[in-house]
N, C-alpha and C. Protein backbone atom coordinates (compact mmCIF):
# COMPACT_ATOMS: atom_id res chain seq x y z
N MET A 1 0.53 23.87 84.02
CA MET A 1 -0.54 23.57 83.19
C MET A 1 -1.93 24.30 84.10
N ILE A 2 -2.73 23.62 82.74
CA ILE A 2 -3.79 24.81 83.37
C ILE A 2 -5.17 23.40 82.72
N ALA A 3 -6.30 23.22 84.05
CA ALA A 3 -6.81 22.12 83.38
C ALA A 3 -8.25 22.07 83.35
N GLN A 4 -8.92 22.47 82.59
CA GLN A 4 -10.26 22.31 82.58
C GLN A 4 -11.02 21.39 83.64
N LEU A 5 -11.89 21.22 84.67
CA LEU A 5 -12.54 20.43 85.44
C LEU A 5 -13.63 20.34 84.75
N ASP A 6 -14.43 18.91 85.29
CA ASP A 6 -15.85 18.35 84.98
C ASP A 6 -16.33 18.95 86.19
N GLY A 7 -16.43 19.10 87.50
CA GLY A 7 -16.98 19.73 89.01
C GLY A 7 -15.73 19.99 89.65
N PRO A 8 -16.84 20.05 91.20
CA PRO A 8 -15.42 20.04 92.18
C PRO A 8 -14.65 18.39 92.39
N PHE A 9 -13.46 18.30 93.26
CA PHE A 9 -13.43 17.19 93.67
C PHE A 9 -13.05 17.13 94.76
N GLU A 10 -13.01 16.24 96.01
CA GLU A 10 -12.39 15.99 97.28
C GLU A 10 -11.23 15.81 97.14
N PHE A 11 -10.13 16.43 98.75
CA PHE A 11 -9.63 15.69 98.97
C PHE A 11 -8.96 14.55 99.74
N ALA A 12 -8.84 13.36 99.59
CA ALA A 12 -8.33 12.63 101.11
C ALA A 12 -7.92 12.74 101.75
N PRO A 13 -8.23 12.41 102.77
CA PRO A 13 -7.71 12.76 104.13
C PRO A 13 -6.05 12.50 103.97
N ILE A 14 -5.53 12.94 104.51
CA ILE A 14 -3.60 13.45 103.76
C ILE A 14 -3.32 13.48 105.42
N GLU A 15 -1.51 12.96 105.37
CA GLU A 15 -1.05 13.78 105.99
C GLU A 15 0.04 14.75 105.83
N THR A 16 0.39 15.65 106.49
CA THR A 16 1.21 16.80 106.28
C THR A 16 2.25 16.44 105.91
N GLU A 17 2.90 15.30 105.52
CA GLU A 17 3.71 14.65 104.47
C GLU A 17 3.47 15.01 103.23
N ASP A 18 2.18 14.73 102.74
CA ASP A 18 0.94 14.70 101.54
C ASP A 18 1.19 15.97 101.23
N LEU A 19 0.80 16.91 102.01
CA LEU A 19 -0.06 18.53 101.90
C LEU A 19 1.98 19.20 101.41
N ARG A 20 2.74 18.61 101.56
CA ARG A 20 4.06 18.96 101.10
C ARG A 20 4.50 18.85 100.56
N ARG A 21 4.10 17.68 99.44
CA ARG A 21 4.64 17.31 98.40
C ARG A 21 3.70 17.82 97.29
N LEU A 22 2.07 18.08 97.59
CA LEU A 22 1.60 18.66 97.08
C LEU A 22 1.10 20.72 97.05
N ASP A 23 2.01 20.76 97.73
CA ASP A 23 2.05 22.22 97.96
C ASP A 23 0.67 23.22 98.15
N VAL A 24 -0.24 22.35 98.87
CA VAL A 24 -1.22 22.84 98.79
C VAL A 24 -1.77 23.90 100.30
N THR A 25 -0.98 23.68 100.96
CA THR A 25 -0.78 24.23 102.35
C THR A 25 0.62 24.56 102.68
N THR A 26 1.82 25.53 103.63
CA THR A 26 2.66 25.71 103.52
C THR A 26 2.83 26.46 105.17
N VAL A 27 4.23 25.07 106.02
CA VAL A 27 3.51 26.52 107.41
C VAL A 27 4.69 25.78 107.92
N ALA A 28 5.77 27.11 108.46
CA ALA A 28 6.18 27.64 108.65
C ALA A 28 7.13 26.61 109.02
N PRO A 29 7.19 25.99 109.68
CA PRO A 29 8.41 24.75 110.36
C PRO A 29 8.48 23.99 110.26
N GLU A 30 7.70 23.51 108.64
CA GLU A 30 7.48 22.36 107.52
C GLU A 30 8.80 22.52 107.22
N ASN A 31 9.08 24.26 106.35
CA ASN A 31 8.98 24.68 105.04
C ASN A 31 11.01 23.77 105.24
N ILE A 32 11.53 23.94 106.64
CA ILE A 32 13.13 23.50 105.79
C ILE A 32 13.35 22.14 105.97
N ARG A 33 11.74 21.00 106.05
CA ARG A 33 12.20 19.90 106.17
C ARG A 33 11.88 19.47 104.48
N ARG A 34 10.67 20.13 104.11
CA ARG A 34 10.25 20.55 102.92
C ARG A 34 11.10 21.10 101.84
N ASN A 35 12.19 21.74 101.78
CA ASN A 35 13.14 22.02 100.64
C ASN A 35 14.25 20.95 100.86
N ARG A 36 14.28 20.46 102.32
CA ARG A 36 15.20 19.62 101.94
C ARG A 36 14.90 17.49 100.85
N ASP A 37 13.33 17.32 101.57
CA ASP A 37 12.74 17.04 100.74
C ASP A 37 12.94 17.43 98.95
N ARG A 38 12.80 18.11 98.48
CA ARG A 38 13.19 18.47 96.78
C ARG A 38 14.42 18.14 96.85
N VAL A 39 15.75 17.61 97.15
CA VAL A 39 16.89 17.12 96.36
C VAL A 39 17.12 16.19 96.13
N PRO A 40 16.14 14.37 96.51
CA PRO A 40 15.78 13.82 95.71
C PRO A 40 15.05 14.64 94.16
N VAL A 41 13.77 14.94 94.37
CA VAL A 41 12.87 15.41 93.34
C VAL A 41 13.98 15.76 92.15
N ALA A 42 15.22 16.92 92.58
CA ALA A 42 16.05 17.64 91.41
C ALA A 42 16.37 16.78 90.94
N LEU A 43 17.07 16.49 91.97
CA LEU A 43 17.84 15.02 91.43
C LEU A 43 17.75 14.40 90.11
N ASP A 44 16.00 13.43 90.44
CA ASP A 44 15.79 12.75 89.68
C ASP A 44 14.96 13.27 88.36
N ALA A 45 14.93 14.93 88.31
CA ALA A 45 14.90 15.65 86.84
C ALA A 45 16.04 15.77 86.28
N ALA A 46 17.71 15.68 87.75
CA ALA A 46 18.63 16.33 86.09
C ALA A 46 18.68 14.72 85.51
N VAL A 47 18.38 14.18 86.47
CA VAL A 47 18.81 12.09 85.69
C VAL A 47 17.87 11.66 84.39
N SER A 48 16.90 12.40 84.34
CA SER A 48 15.53 11.55 83.89
C SER A 48 15.10 12.97 82.72
N GLY A 49 15.35 13.42 83.36
CA GLY A 49 14.75 15.47 82.58
C GLY A 49 13.59 15.68 83.02
N TRP A 50 13.05 14.73 83.55
CA TRP A 50 11.60 16.27 84.94
C TRP A 50 11.35 14.57 85.63
N ALA A 51 11.00 16.18 86.85
CA ALA A 51 10.66 14.21 87.90
C ALA A 51 9.53 13.77 87.35
N LYS A 52 8.90 12.62 88.25
CA LYS A 52 8.19 12.06 88.07
C LYS A 52 7.09 11.86 89.27
N GLN A 53 7.67 12.61 90.62
CA GLN A 53 7.16 12.89 91.66
C GLN A 53 7.10 14.49 91.33
N PRO A 54 6.80 15.05 90.55
CA PRO A 54 7.29 16.57 90.80
C PRO A 54 6.58 17.35 91.91
N ILE A 55 6.90 18.11 91.69
CA ILE A 55 6.79 19.57 93.23
C ILE A 55 5.40 19.83 92.65
N ILE A 56 4.37 20.53 92.74
CA ILE A 56 3.08 20.70 92.16
C ILE A 56 2.03 22.29 93.28
N GLU A 57 2.20 23.15 92.79
CA GLU A 57 1.85 24.16 93.19
C GLU A 57 0.37 24.61 92.71
N MET A 58 -0.98 24.04 93.25
CA MET A 58 -2.01 24.17 92.45
C MET A 58 -3.34 25.37 92.92
N LEU A 59 -3.93 25.70 92.28
CA LEU A 59 -4.34 26.96 93.08
C LEU A 59 -5.65 26.94 91.64
N ILE A 60 -6.69 26.17 92.63
CA ILE A 60 -8.30 26.80 91.39
C ILE A 60 -9.20 27.86 91.52
N PRO A 61 -8.48 28.13 90.97
CA PRO A 61 -8.76 30.16 91.09
C PRO A 61 -10.69 30.19 90.64
N SER A 62 -11.43 29.75 90.07
CA SER A 62 -13.12 29.44 90.05
C SER A 62 -13.74 28.91 91.09
N THR A 63 -13.00 28.10 92.04
CA THR A 63 -13.70 28.37 93.72
C THR A 63 -13.80 29.99 93.35
N LEU A 64 -12.79 30.78 93.59
CA LEU A 64 -13.22 32.40 94.35
C LEU A 64 -14.66 33.20 92.64
N ASP A 65 -14.30 32.89 91.83
CA ASP A 65 -14.46 33.50 90.81
C ASP A 65 -15.06 32.91 89.82
N SER A 66 -16.60 32.55 90.07
CA SER A 66 -17.60 31.38 89.00
C SER A 66 -17.29 32.29 87.43
N THR A 67 -17.02 33.46 87.18
CA THR A 67 -16.57 33.84 85.65
C THR A 67 -15.63 32.72 84.71
N LEU A 68 -15.18 32.11 85.85
CA LEU A 68 -13.94 31.31 84.99
C LEU A 68 -13.56 30.27 84.74
N ALA A 69 -15.07 29.80 84.62
CA ALA A 69 -15.58 27.78 83.94
C ALA A 69 -16.89 28.32 84.14
N PRO A 70 -17.45 27.50 83.42
CA PRO A 70 -19.51 27.05 83.25
C PRO A 70 -19.30 26.56 84.11
N ARG A 71 -20.96 26.78 84.41
CA ARG A 71 -21.71 26.13 86.07
C ARG A 71 -21.39 25.36 86.40
N GLY A 72 -21.44 25.09 86.98
CA GLY A 72 -20.78 23.05 87.33
C GLY A 72 -18.73 22.79 87.38
N LYS A 73 -18.30 23.84 85.96
CA LYS A 73 -16.95 23.45 85.96
C LYS A 73 -15.80 24.08 86.96
N HIS A 74 -14.83 23.60 86.66
CA HIS A 74 -13.68 24.26 87.31
C HIS A 74 -12.43 24.81 86.48
N VAL A 75 -11.66 25.20 86.59
CA VAL A 75 -9.71 25.39 86.67
C VAL A 75 -9.31 25.55 87.87
N ALA A 76 -8.39 24.56 86.98
CA ALA A 76 -6.75 24.16 87.80
C ALA A 76 -5.82 24.96 87.12
N SER A 77 -4.98 26.02 87.86
CA SER A 77 -3.68 25.88 87.55
C SER A 77 -3.05 25.23 87.82
N LEU A 78 -1.88 24.82 87.52
CA LEU A 78 -0.79 24.15 88.24
C LEU A 78 0.24 24.50 88.11
N PHE A 79 0.90 25.03 89.18
CA PHE A 79 2.63 24.97 88.68
C PHE A 79 3.57 24.00 88.83
N CYS A 80 4.25 23.24 88.41
CA CYS A 80 4.96 22.33 88.36
C CYS A 80 6.78 22.84 88.33
N GLN A 81 7.36 21.70 89.05
CA GLN A 81 8.44 22.65 89.01
C GLN A 81 10.13 20.89 89.26
N HIS A 82 10.33 20.99 88.02
CA HIS A 82 12.23 20.66 88.17
C HIS A 82 11.65 20.01 86.89
N PHE A 83 11.75 19.86 85.65
CA PHE A 83 11.93 20.13 84.51
C PHE A 83 12.57 20.55 83.64
N ARG A 84 13.43 20.01 83.19
CA ARG A 84 14.38 20.68 82.72
C ARG A 84 14.28 20.85 80.67
N TYR A 85 15.05 22.11 80.47
CA TYR A 85 14.86 22.59 79.43
C TYR A 85 15.31 21.38 77.90
N ASP A 86 16.53 20.88 79.04
CA ASP A 86 17.39 20.28 77.79
C ASP A 86 16.61 18.79 78.35
N LEU A 87 16.09 17.59 77.54
CA LEU A 87 16.11 16.48 77.69
C LEU A 87 16.79 15.46 77.86
N GLY A 88 18.05 16.42 76.71
CA GLY A 88 18.99 15.26 76.37
C GLY A 88 19.44 14.93 75.13
N PRO A 89 20.10 14.06 74.38
CA PRO A 89 20.82 13.92 73.64
C PRO A 89 19.58 13.06 72.50
N GLY A 90 18.77 13.52 71.33
CA GLY A 90 17.16 12.16 70.94
C GLY A 90 16.13 12.74 71.37
N ARG A 91 16.10 13.07 72.86
CA ARG A 91 14.47 13.90 72.95
C ARG A 91 14.26 14.95 73.16
N SER A 92 13.04 15.31 72.95
CA SER A 92 12.06 16.78 73.16
C SER A 92 11.35 16.40 74.01
N TRP A 93 10.71 17.89 74.12
CA TRP A 93 9.46 18.28 75.04
C TRP A 93 8.14 18.65 73.27
N ASP A 94 8.41 18.14 72.58
CA ASP A 94 7.49 18.29 71.17
C ASP A 94 6.56 16.50 71.73
N GLU A 95 7.04 15.75 71.76
CA GLU A 95 7.36 14.35 71.73
C GLU A 95 7.55 13.55 73.87
N GLU A 96 7.36 14.67 74.57
CA GLU A 96 7.34 14.14 75.96
C GLU A 96 6.15 14.67 76.81
N ARG A 97 5.58 15.82 75.83
CA ARG A 97 4.76 17.38 77.08
C ARG A 97 3.64 16.14 76.94
N GLU A 98 2.88 15.64 76.22
CA GLU A 98 1.94 14.47 76.58
C GLU A 98 2.15 13.70 77.91
N LYS A 99 3.45 12.99 77.96
CA LYS A 99 3.56 12.35 78.81
C LYS A 99 3.70 12.78 80.50
N ALA A 100 4.74 14.09 80.40
CA ALA A 100 4.77 14.14 81.21
C ALA A 100 3.23 15.09 82.73
N ALA A 101 2.49 15.67 81.04
CA ALA A 101 0.96 16.23 81.75
C ALA A 101 0.48 14.83 82.59
N ASP A 102 0.56 14.51 81.83
CA ASP A 102 0.06 12.76 82.14
C ASP A 102 0.24 12.17 83.69
N GLN A 103 1.83 12.62 84.24
CA GLN A 103 3.18 12.24 85.05
C GLN A 103 2.22 13.58 86.32
N ILE A 104 2.23 14.56 85.24
CA ILE A 104 1.63 16.16 86.53
C ILE A 104 -0.39 15.13 87.53
N ILE A 105 -0.98 14.82 85.75
CA ILE A 105 -1.99 14.98 87.16
C ILE A 105 -2.40 13.15 87.77
N ALA A 106 -1.63 12.45 87.16
CA ALA A 106 -1.19 10.95 88.15
C ALA A 106 -1.26 11.62 89.23
N THR A 107 0.00 12.55 89.60
CA THR A 107 0.82 12.65 91.04
C THR A 107 -0.54 13.19 91.58
N VAL A 108 -1.37 14.42 91.29
CA VAL A 108 -2.65 15.22 92.48
C VAL A 108 -3.54 14.06 93.07
N ASP A 109 -3.33 13.07 91.46
CA ASP A 109 -5.23 12.40 91.31
C ASP A 109 -4.47 11.25 93.14
N GLN A 110 -3.60 10.67 92.80
CA GLN A 110 -2.97 9.73 94.42
C GLN A 110 -2.73 10.98 95.64
N HIS A 111 -4.02 12.17 95.32
CA HIS A 111 -4.07 12.68 96.69
C HIS A 111 -5.13 13.17 96.89
N ALA A 112 -5.80 13.55 95.34
CA ALA A 112 -7.95 13.53 94.71
C ALA A 112 -8.45 13.10 93.92
N PRO A 113 -8.16 12.16 94.89
CA PRO A 113 -9.32 10.64 93.61
C PRO A 113 -10.02 11.23 93.28
N GLY A 114 -10.16 10.93 91.68
CA GLY A 114 -11.19 11.27 91.36
C GLY A 114 -10.60 12.85 90.11
N PHE A 115 -9.71 13.22 90.25
CA PHE A 115 -9.14 14.58 89.84
C PHE A 115 -8.68 14.84 88.74
N ALA A 116 -7.91 13.12 88.46
CA ALA A 116 -7.53 12.69 86.64
C ALA A 116 -9.39 12.77 85.30
N ARG A 117 -9.96 12.18 86.32
CA ARG A 117 -11.42 11.64 86.16
C ARG A 117 -11.81 13.07 85.02
N SER A 118 -11.59 13.87 86.75
CA SER A 118 -12.31 15.07 86.38
C SER A 118 -11.62 16.23 85.76
N VAL A 119 -10.64 16.20 84.90
CA VAL A 119 -9.92 16.95 83.65
C VAL A 119 -10.50 16.90 82.33
N LEU A 120 -10.84 17.79 81.76
CA LEU A 120 -11.89 17.74 80.47
C LEU A 120 -10.41 18.60 79.27
N GLY A 121 -10.14 19.32 80.18
CA GLY A 121 -8.90 19.27 78.87
C GLY A 121 -7.91 20.08 79.80
N ARG A 122 -6.74 19.53 79.31
CA ARG A 122 -5.34 21.06 79.72
C ARG A 122 -4.36 21.26 78.92
N GLN A 123 -3.34 22.20 79.33
CA GLN A 123 -3.26 22.39 78.22
C GLN A 123 -0.88 22.82 79.20
N LEU A 124 -0.44 22.35 78.64
CA LEU A 124 0.73 22.10 79.38
C LEU A 124 2.00 23.01 78.72
N HIS A 125 3.02 24.32 79.38
CA HIS A 125 4.04 24.82 78.91
C HIS A 125 5.25 24.63 79.53
N SER A 126 5.63 23.59 78.83
CA SER A 126 6.58 22.91 78.43
C SER A 126 8.04 23.62 78.70
N PRO A 127 9.03 24.00 79.44
CA PRO A 127 9.70 24.59 79.17
C PRO A 127 10.33 25.19 77.53
N LEU A 128 9.95 24.36 77.09
CA LEU A 128 10.67 24.61 75.42
C LEU A 128 9.23 26.01 74.64
N ASP A 129 7.93 25.15 76.01
CA ASP A 129 6.84 26.30 75.11
C ASP A 129 7.19 27.56 75.36
N LEU A 130 7.54 27.73 77.40
CA LEU A 130 7.61 29.37 77.82
C LEU A 130 8.50 29.53 76.51
N GLU A 131 9.33 29.03 76.20
CA GLU A 131 10.86 29.81 75.59
C GLU A 131 10.08 30.85 73.89
N ARG A 132 9.22 29.52 73.44
CA ARG A 132 8.86 29.87 71.65
C ARG A 132 7.08 31.11 72.56
N ARG A 133 7.02 30.41 73.28
CA ARG A 133 5.46 31.81 73.58
C ARG A 133 5.89 33.14 74.32
N PHE A 134 6.40 32.92 75.22
CA PHE A 134 6.50 33.95 76.11
C PHE A 134 8.12 34.69 75.72
N GLY A 135 8.94 34.54 75.64
CA GLY A 135 10.69 34.35 75.04
C GLY A 135 11.42 34.42 75.90
N LEU A 136 10.69 33.53 76.97
CA LEU A 136 11.66 33.02 78.00
C LEU A 136 12.20 31.89 77.73
N ILE A 137 13.63 32.78 77.55
CA ILE A 137 15.31 31.57 77.96
C ILE A 137 15.24 30.57 78.14
N GLY A 138 15.54 29.13 77.85
CA GLY A 138 15.54 28.03 78.38
C GLY A 138 14.39 27.85 79.05
N GLY A 139 13.47 28.64 79.14
CA GLY A 139 11.98 28.12 79.58
C GLY A 139 12.11 28.98 81.36
N ASP A 140 13.19 29.41 81.44
CA ASP A 140 13.59 29.90 82.88
C ASP A 140 12.40 31.35 83.02
N ILE A 141 11.91 31.08 84.03
CA ILE A 141 10.62 31.63 84.35
C ILE A 141 11.11 32.88 85.15
N PHE A 142 12.26 33.11 85.20
CA PHE A 142 12.95 33.82 86.88
C PHE A 142 14.06 34.81 86.48
N HIS A 143 14.50 34.97 84.66
CA HIS A 143 14.69 36.21 84.55
C HIS A 143 16.11 35.74 84.59
N GLY A 144 16.94 34.44 84.50
CA GLY A 144 18.27 33.80 85.17
C GLY A 144 18.03 32.91 86.50
N LYS A 145 18.50 32.39 85.56
CA LYS A 145 18.29 30.53 87.39
C LYS A 145 18.97 31.57 88.41
N MET A 146 18.30 30.98 89.70
CA MET A 146 18.16 31.24 90.86
C MET A 146 19.32 30.22 91.48
N SER A 147 20.24 30.43 90.94
CA SER A 147 21.61 29.26 90.84
C SER A 147 23.08 30.98 91.70
N LEU A 148 23.40 30.20 92.46
CA LEU A 148 24.43 30.83 93.30
C LEU A 148 25.13 31.08 92.72
N ASP A 149 25.50 30.84 91.46
CA ASP A 149 26.10 31.85 90.59
C ASP A 149 25.41 33.02 89.97
N GLN A 150 24.30 33.57 89.96
CA GLN A 150 23.36 34.16 90.02
C GLN A 150 22.68 35.23 91.07
N LEU A 151 23.32 35.45 92.43
CA LEU A 151 22.47 35.40 93.93
C LEU A 151 23.36 36.43 93.84
N PHE A 152 22.33 37.49 94.98
CA PHE A 152 23.13 38.38 95.82
C PHE A 152 23.50 39.04 94.66
N SER A 153 25.09 38.93 95.38
CA SER A 153 25.59 40.46 93.99
C SER A 153 26.50 39.86 93.10
N ALA A 154 25.90 39.07 92.29
CA ALA A 154 26.22 37.87 91.84
C ALA A 154 24.93 38.15 90.22
N ARG A 155 23.62 39.35 90.60
CA ARG A 155 22.32 38.56 89.84
C ARG A 155 21.86 40.45 89.86
N PRO A 156 21.64 40.37 88.13
CA PRO A 156 22.34 39.42 87.25
C PRO A 156 23.81 39.48 87.28
N MET A 157 24.36 40.31 86.85
CA MET A 157 25.51 39.80 87.59
C MET A 157 26.50 41.13 87.94
N ILE A 158 27.75 40.82 88.18
CA ILE A 158 28.53 40.96 88.85
C ILE A 158 29.14 42.39 88.83
N GLY A 159 28.91 43.48 89.17
CA GLY A 159 28.94 45.07 88.22
C GLY A 159 27.94 45.46 88.15
N ALA A 160 26.58 44.94 88.30
CA ALA A 160 25.16 45.45 88.07
C ALA A 160 24.51 44.69 88.86
N ALA A 161 24.88 44.82 90.39
CA ALA A 161 23.57 43.92 91.24
C ALA A 161 22.63 45.27 92.06
N ALA A 162 23.06 45.91 91.71
CA ALA A 162 22.65 47.25 92.71
C ALA A 162 21.77 47.57 91.84
N TYR A 163 21.03 47.33 91.38
CA TYR A 163 19.80 48.18 90.63
C TYR A 163 19.65 49.22 89.23
N ARG A 164 21.67 48.90 89.80
CA ARG A 164 21.43 50.48 88.63
C ARG A 164 22.24 50.44 87.34
N MET A 165 22.06 50.02 86.04
CA MET A 165 22.32 49.16 84.79
C MET A 165 23.18 50.37 83.69
N PRO A 166 24.02 49.59 83.52
CA PRO A 166 25.07 50.69 82.50
C PRO A 166 24.56 51.69 81.89
N LEU A 167 23.36 51.29 81.56
CA LEU A 167 22.85 52.80 80.64
C LEU A 167 22.41 54.12 81.75
N LYS A 168 22.73 55.13 81.05
CA LYS A 168 22.09 56.12 82.66
C LYS A 168 20.59 56.38 82.21
N GLY A 169 19.80 56.31 83.52
CA GLY A 169 18.66 56.10 84.61
C GLY A 169 17.98 55.10 84.13
N LEU A 170 18.94 53.48 83.92
CA LEU A 170 17.91 52.63 83.61
C LEU A 170 17.91 51.25 85.08
N TYR A 171 17.05 51.30 85.53
CA TYR A 171 17.00 50.35 87.04
C TYR A 171 16.76 49.07 86.52
N LEU A 172 16.91 48.27 86.79
CA LEU A 172 16.70 46.60 87.05
C LEU A 172 15.48 46.46 88.04
N CYS A 173 14.07 46.36 87.51
CA CYS A 173 13.20 45.84 89.27
C CYS A 173 12.77 44.78 88.62
N GLY A 174 12.63 43.45 87.76
CA GLY A 174 12.23 41.95 87.90
C GLY A 174 12.87 41.05 88.61
N SER A 175 12.48 40.19 87.97
CA SER A 175 12.98 38.56 88.87
C SER A 175 14.47 39.23 88.62
N GLY A 176 15.37 39.69 87.39
CA GLY A 176 17.01 39.52 87.27
C GLY A 176 17.39 39.64 88.63
N ALA A 177 16.68 40.76 89.14
CA ALA A 177 17.68 41.73 90.13
C ALA A 177 17.55 40.83 91.31
N HIS A 178 18.63 40.99 92.53
CA HIS A 178 17.87 40.28 94.21
C HIS A 178 16.55 40.81 94.31
N PRO A 179 16.11 39.68 95.37
CA PRO A 179 16.26 38.66 95.56
C PRO A 179 16.39 37.63 94.79
N GLY A 180 15.54 38.59 93.33
CA GLY A 180 15.25 37.50 92.25
C GLY A 180 13.98 37.12 91.90
N GLY A 181 12.89 35.89 91.48
CA GLY A 181 11.38 35.32 91.25
C GLY A 181 10.99 35.60 92.38
N GLY A 182 10.25 35.01 91.77
CA GLY A 182 9.04 34.94 93.28
C GLY A 182 7.76 36.57 93.10
N VAL A 183 6.36 36.27 93.70
CA VAL A 183 5.66 36.89 94.06
C VAL A 183 6.29 37.80 94.77
N THR A 184 7.03 38.25 95.25
CA THR A 184 7.61 39.49 96.84
C THR A 184 6.98 41.06 96.67
N GLY A 185 7.46 40.98 95.06
CA GLY A 185 7.74 42.58 95.36
C GLY A 185 8.80 43.45 95.60
N ALA A 186 9.78 42.63 95.96
CA ALA A 186 11.70 42.90 96.90
C ALA A 186 11.59 43.56 95.79
N PRO A 187 11.98 42.85 95.03
CA PRO A 187 13.22 43.54 93.27
C PRO A 187 12.34 44.75 93.37
N GLY A 188 11.33 45.31 92.89
CA GLY A 188 10.44 46.40 92.82
C GLY A 188 11.23 47.58 93.62
N HIS A 189 10.86 47.30 94.85
CA HIS A 189 10.60 47.05 96.18
C HIS A 189 12.09 48.26 96.38
N ASN A 190 13.40 46.95 95.89
CA ASN A 190 14.45 47.86 96.72
C ASN A 190 15.39 48.52 94.93
N ALA A 191 14.39 48.89 93.96
CA ALA A 191 14.90 49.49 93.24
C ALA A 191 14.70 50.64 92.87
N ALA A 192 13.15 51.35 93.32
CA ALA A 192 12.07 52.02 93.42
C ALA A 192 13.48 52.81 94.88
N HIS A 193 14.18 52.06 95.92
CA HIS A 193 14.66 52.47 96.47
C HIS A 193 16.05 53.42 96.27
N ALA A 194 16.27 52.70 95.38
CA ALA A 194 18.21 52.85 94.61
C ALA A 194 17.90 53.89 94.39
N ILE A 195 16.51 53.69 93.02
CA ILE A 195 16.23 55.32 92.19
C ILE A 195 15.95 56.87 93.08
N ILE A 196 14.85 56.61 94.82
CA ILE A 196 15.02 57.43 95.30
C ILE A 196 16.52 58.30 95.94
N ARG A 197 16.98 56.86 96.46
CA ARG A 197 18.30 58.05 96.86
C ARG A 197 19.38 58.89 95.95
N ASP A 198 19.47 58.42 94.94
CA ASP A 198 19.99 58.32 93.64
C ASP A 198 19.43 59.84 93.12
N ARG A 199 18.12 59.94 93.65
CA ARG A 199 18.03 61.92 93.08
C ARG A 199 17.95 62.25 94.41
N ARG A 200 17.65 62.12 95.99
CA ARG A 200 17.71 62.86 96.78
C ARG A 200 18.63 63.29 96.85
N PHE A 201 20.14 62.43 96.60
CA PHE A 201 21.51 63.07 96.59
C PHE A 201 21.56 63.17 95.88
N GLY A 202 21.27 63.65 94.56
CA GLY A 202 22.29 64.21 92.92
C GLY A 202 23.20 63.15 93.06
N MET A 203 23.46 61.47 93.41
CA MET A 203 23.84 60.80 92.83
C MET A 203 24.24 60.57 91.39
N ARG A 204 23.33 60.41 90.57
CA ARG A 204 23.05 60.78 89.19
C ARG A 204 24.53 59.45 88.95
N ARG A 205 24.35 58.14 89.20
CA ARG A 205 25.46 57.37 89.27
C ARG A 205 25.25 56.68 87.81
N HIS A 206 25.00 57.40 86.47
CA HIS A 206 24.19 56.88 85.52
C HIS A 206 25.13 58.15 85.07
């Protein structure tokens, strides 16, 4: 979600538990417990279609780049997890998009009172919107789900997990390759090393 804000706002005094919920900060020792806390959120999404208390990663880039918003205004980017593509029979993201957006804003407002009042406009990309606008099948931003059957030697599929694709000279270096999605650069790093090895030793495995 992208939100246009009327102005700056402040976070209420919050405990570490709340920081984990909002993903404002990440402290290494807390990650284990934070990942455990995701289980009920994921179950809620599995049953209801989307989590009522979603995991949110929020950035306010206009605090660093004032050209992103008019003077005195701000822009917030909210990356929200645990929203299913398939909501179930008789349900559609076209009908539930705004309801989900309301819940996201309400969740942030719990930790930053006044945030909801400051929202002048918003644009929510549901999983269906991601598929329609960007061609991401099923709204999956990772080029394949990060599930156990599509990780390690099975990413993107068994027999094509060494960055070398069946087509000669084609290497996979995006989120669809090990270790998967996220802004790490690791798939590209590993694919580059595979290319270097092939050229250095004349393996020409394609």
